[in-house]
Protein backbone atom coordinates (compact mmCIF):
# COMPACT_ATOMS: atom_id res chain seq x y z
CA MET A 1 148.17 106.25 27.76
CA THR A 2 148.53 102.87 26.05
CA ARG A 3 145.80 102.29 23.62
CA MET A 4 143.77 99.12 24.55
CA LYS A 5 143.25 96.31 21.85
CA LEU A 6 139.65 96.15 21.02
CA GLU A 7 138.00 93.00 19.77
CA PRO A 8 135.21 93.53 17.11
CA VAL A 9 131.71 92.56 18.17
CA THR A 10 129.57 90.96 15.48
CA GLY A 11 125.73 91.18 15.39
CA SER A 12 125.26 94.25 17.62
CA SER A 13 123.59 97.23 16.18
CA SER A 14 125.03 99.51 18.88
CA ILE A 15 128.36 98.07 20.12
CA LYS A 16 131.29 97.93 17.58
CA ALA A 17 134.05 96.59 19.75
CA ILE A 18 135.06 95.55 23.37
CA GLY A 19 138.43 95.51 25.07
CA HIS A 20 139.29 94.40 28.65
CA ASP A 21 142.58 94.47 30.65
CA PRO A 22 142.31 91.83 33.38
CA ALA A 23 145.33 93.36 35.22
CA THR A 24 143.62 96.70 35.72
CA GLY A 25 139.91 95.62 35.38
CA LYS A 26 139.42 98.41 32.77
CA LEU A 27 136.74 97.64 30.18
CA HIS A 28 136.57 99.69 26.97
CA VAL A 29 133.37 99.63 24.94
CA GLN A 30 133.34 101.27 21.53
CA PHE A 31 129.89 102.05 19.92
CA HIS A 32 129.11 102.29 16.31
CA ASN A 33 128.51 106.04 16.84
CA GLY A 34 132.27 106.49 17.49
CA ASN A 35 132.15 106.96 21.25
CA THR A 36 134.27 104.85 23.45
CA TYR A 37 133.76 104.46 27.25
CA GLU A 38 136.11 103.18 29.74
CA HIS A 39 134.68 101.37 32.84
CA ASP A 40 136.68 100.74 35.99
CA ASP A 41 137.08 97.47 37.98
CA VAL A 42 134.98 95.15 35.80
CA PRO A 43 135.58 91.63 36.83
CA LEU A 44 136.55 89.03 34.22
CA GLU A 45 133.34 87.06 34.89
CA LYS A 46 131.19 90.07 34.02
CA VAL A 47 133.21 90.70 30.80
CA ALA A 48 132.80 86.98 29.92
CA ALA A 49 129.03 87.20 30.45
CA PHE A 50 128.97 90.46 28.42
CA THR A 51 130.91 89.05 25.43
CA GLY A 52 128.73 85.88 25.41
CA ALA A 53 125.42 87.59 25.78
CA VAL A 54 122.72 87.07 23.08
CA SER A 55 122.36 90.90 23.04
CA GLN A 56 125.54 92.88 24.04
CA GLY A 57 123.66 96.06 23.92
CA LYS A 58 120.92 94.91 26.24
CA PHE A 59 123.53 93.32 28.62
CA TYR A 60 125.54 96.59 28.58
CA ASN A 61 122.52 98.78 29.49
CA SER A 62 121.31 96.42 32.26
CA LYS A 63 124.52 95.14 33.90
CA ILE A 64 127.40 97.51 33.03
CA ARG A 65 126.10 101.05 32.28
CA GLY A 66 125.82 102.97 35.55
CA ALA A 67 127.20 100.06 37.56
CA TYR A 68 130.89 101.11 37.21
CA THR A 69 132.84 104.30 37.29
CA THR A 70 132.86 105.38 33.65
CA ARG A 71 134.54 107.96 31.46
CA LYS A 72 134.45 108.83 27.84
CA VAL A 73 137.86 108.27 26.18
């Protein structure tokens, strides 16, 4: 498996970095606690809203967590 490039998130107390592959729709979210989760079929528009959110943690919990097939990586 190729490791996805993650971009650091600034100003979030829970999310450390985010990576998205538009070709596959896979979204990786790395948390400050060390856990990383992969979400399937996340559209680019949702990722743009996520990265631009005032609070990425709140956006993740309300719009991504539980809405997409997820696995811990």
